[in-house]
Amino acid sequence: MMSNMDQCTMAFAGLCQAVKLIQEIARDGDTNSTHLHNTLQAILVTNPEDAVEVYGSVQNLTLGYKVLINQLTDQQQKDTELMRYIFGIIMLERKLSRKNQVLSNLASRIDQVHRQLQHFQITDPQVLANLASIYSDIISPLGPRVMISGRQNYIQNNLNQNKIRALLLSTMRSAVLWRQLGGKRRQLIFRKNEMISHAKKRLTECL
């Protein structure tokens, strides 16, 4: 059974994985379809028993754990753009957590996605458009917006825009879970070694 800090690390890895996929789409025009599917699935799990239930398995977060280790380790591998995204998302989630009506609207819209998934896969363009609209309608107005950098021809592509917004919705799911498990920004400084240790342990299990 995972300790609370282990689960907290898992939630942060989920956040890291989603922002990495956003970066790949914005920079390269595409991302790994399996990673995309697994990361978006987390949006649908709204009443979990634990963090593992949200992400399905540790294996589904191998990329996220790797990103977490790179971002929290004091070395050249740290990506300041990714950290800008992460801190922006954490700020947005704090605003969301204070607005009960917005949270209720969010839950209602996610229920609609569940019904849509009776007919389509979560990576189907119609579902991606629905997830993207949830982010645009409910989360984005809370402000300030998370500004995504990349190549304009990729960012301006309609399908890519929907993928990015859907993944931003997934980042919010992980940020909510991280806070619920006691996650705070100061942990990224004062408890980062503990988080790195948990991440490395989980990655070893995936080998």
Foldseek 3Di string as FASTA:
>chain_A
DDDLLLLLLLLQLLLQLLLVQLQCCQAPVHDDPLLLQQLLQLLLPDPDPTSCVSRVHLLSRLVSLVSLLQCLDPDDSHDVLSVLLLVQLLVLLVLVVVDPVLVVVLVVLSVVLVVVVVPDRCLPLVNLQSLLVNQVVRRPVSDDHSDHDYDPVSCVDPSSVSSSSSSSSSSSSSSVNSVVSPHDPCCSPVVSVVSNVSSVVSSVVND
